[in-house]
Amino acid sequence: MSATNSALASEERPDSGSKALGAESLAPQHTRIMGRSSYFLAWFGGCVSIGTFAMGSSVVGTLNLLQATLAIAIGCFVIGIALAINGAAGYKYGIPFMVQARSAFGFTGTRLPGLVRAVPAVVWYGFQSWIGAGALNMVSATLFGFDNLIFYFITFQFLQIGLSVMGFQGIKWLENIGSAFILASLVYMFYATVQRYGDELSASLLTMEGSWGMPFWGATMLFLGIYSTMMLNVSDYSREHKKGTPQSLLTTIYAMSILPCTLFMGLIGYMVSQATGTADPIQVFANAVDNTPLLMTTLLFIAFAQVTTNVLNNVVPPTYVLMDVFKIKFSVATVIVGLLAFATFPWKLVQPGSAAGLQMFVQTYSAFLGPIFAILVVDYYVVRRRTLDINKLYDPEGPYKGFNAAALIATAVGIVAALSFSAVSWYASLIPAGVTYYLLMKYWAPCQRFNQ
């Protein structure tokens, strides 16, 4: 057996038959389990992020209602384009993000984008698990008199770990069934917010001048930044989508699946924070909903939404990183990721000033993710002209051995540019990183072996 074939075998290439629960690997994906409707619903259910609620809270006093709505819409439109562009390689070849990055960063170099992608995922995992556990605890305290947040946090986390071990078969089932409940709950939550706080909001939010300058574009990046992690590793998901969907339709699927949840959650966070001064969604809805059964339904929705978001967005990326770096099985890696989420101290992120802290967190990690996104896009579309040699991507002794200095230098250039304009860090990083990578790949001799 050749070295290349051995590498492919070590990646546990899946069979072309039906895909078993948790049967995930880094090999080219042959068994694709998500059609267009299923793929749309997976993204829809996976994008109900409490982080979006916090981002809505963070722009209070800066934008008026119209500006906040447009900022969210523009952010979702950019997300749709970025997901379709960077997910093309995974969709065409069935490869995950960690394999896609090898042609640009090298086998060893992929640990940088893998780590940069994994850290925010684990932090969000812990944060959203704490929020979900808080919702369950309030339901329990109200209905049964049992109030123990630590118990529910631990229980909730192990429940998610169990679901995560099921892999994409479990994700498909969970997201598709949960989407209808999520949409209905979001509509109700929005209605309850307007009913409770409408009078005090109408005057301030509609007449406020706001800003159409840098604060507005910074807000579009905040809502975009929630998904900048997923824009990097979208190939992890697109490889599961059945072939036959043109890129224009994929862009529409991404944008339209993300927009409703992001718009509702962002505006709800924006309005209730303006009215109450709190960014904690549990406390907000406890005050906004007078009807106990409806409050219980709302809190259960908050808990359920954290499961759907975590399992899709925050488990898969770091799991694939661990699989690539340590050569361990998917099920083992998901358990490790779930345990790591305990170490993020999520209770520190739900303090009264957490919205501002989360805003800085999103801006900071977007400064690191933006350059990597630009490098992957330039590498696939400009350097490779949308043609990859799969055998080389799985050959650790081939031309992509080690690390590509061009990618590392371009990443550093992009990060410096992003941090110089932190309010729009993701946008600011794209051109410097992309142009630097292209020039180094074209003219710098040490990088020429990566042009193969």
Foldseek 3Di string as FASTA:
>chain_A
DDLLVVLLVLQPADDLDDDAFLNDGQHQDNHFDDELVLLLLLLLLQQLALLLLLLLLVCAPFAFPVLLLVLLLLLLLVLLLLLLLLQVLLLVGVGWLLLLCLLQWFLARSLQVLVLLQVVLLLSLLQLLLLLLVLVQVLCCVPPVDHDSVVSSVVLLVVLLVLLSRPPVSLSVLSNVCNVLLLVLLVVLLVLLCVQCVVVRPVPRPPPPHDPPLSSNLSSLLSNLVCLSCSSGSSLPSSNYDDDDDSVVSSVSSSVSNRPSSSSSSVSSNRQCNRPVASSVLVSLVVSDPDVVSNSSNSNSSNSSSSSNSSPRRQVSNLNSCCSPVVDRSSVSSVVSSVVSVVSPSVVCRPRPNSVVSSLVSLLSLLQSLLSSLSSSCCCCPLVVNDDDSSQSSNCPALSHDTAVQLVVLSVQLSVQLVVVSSNSNVRSRVSSNVSSVVCCVPPVVRVSSSD
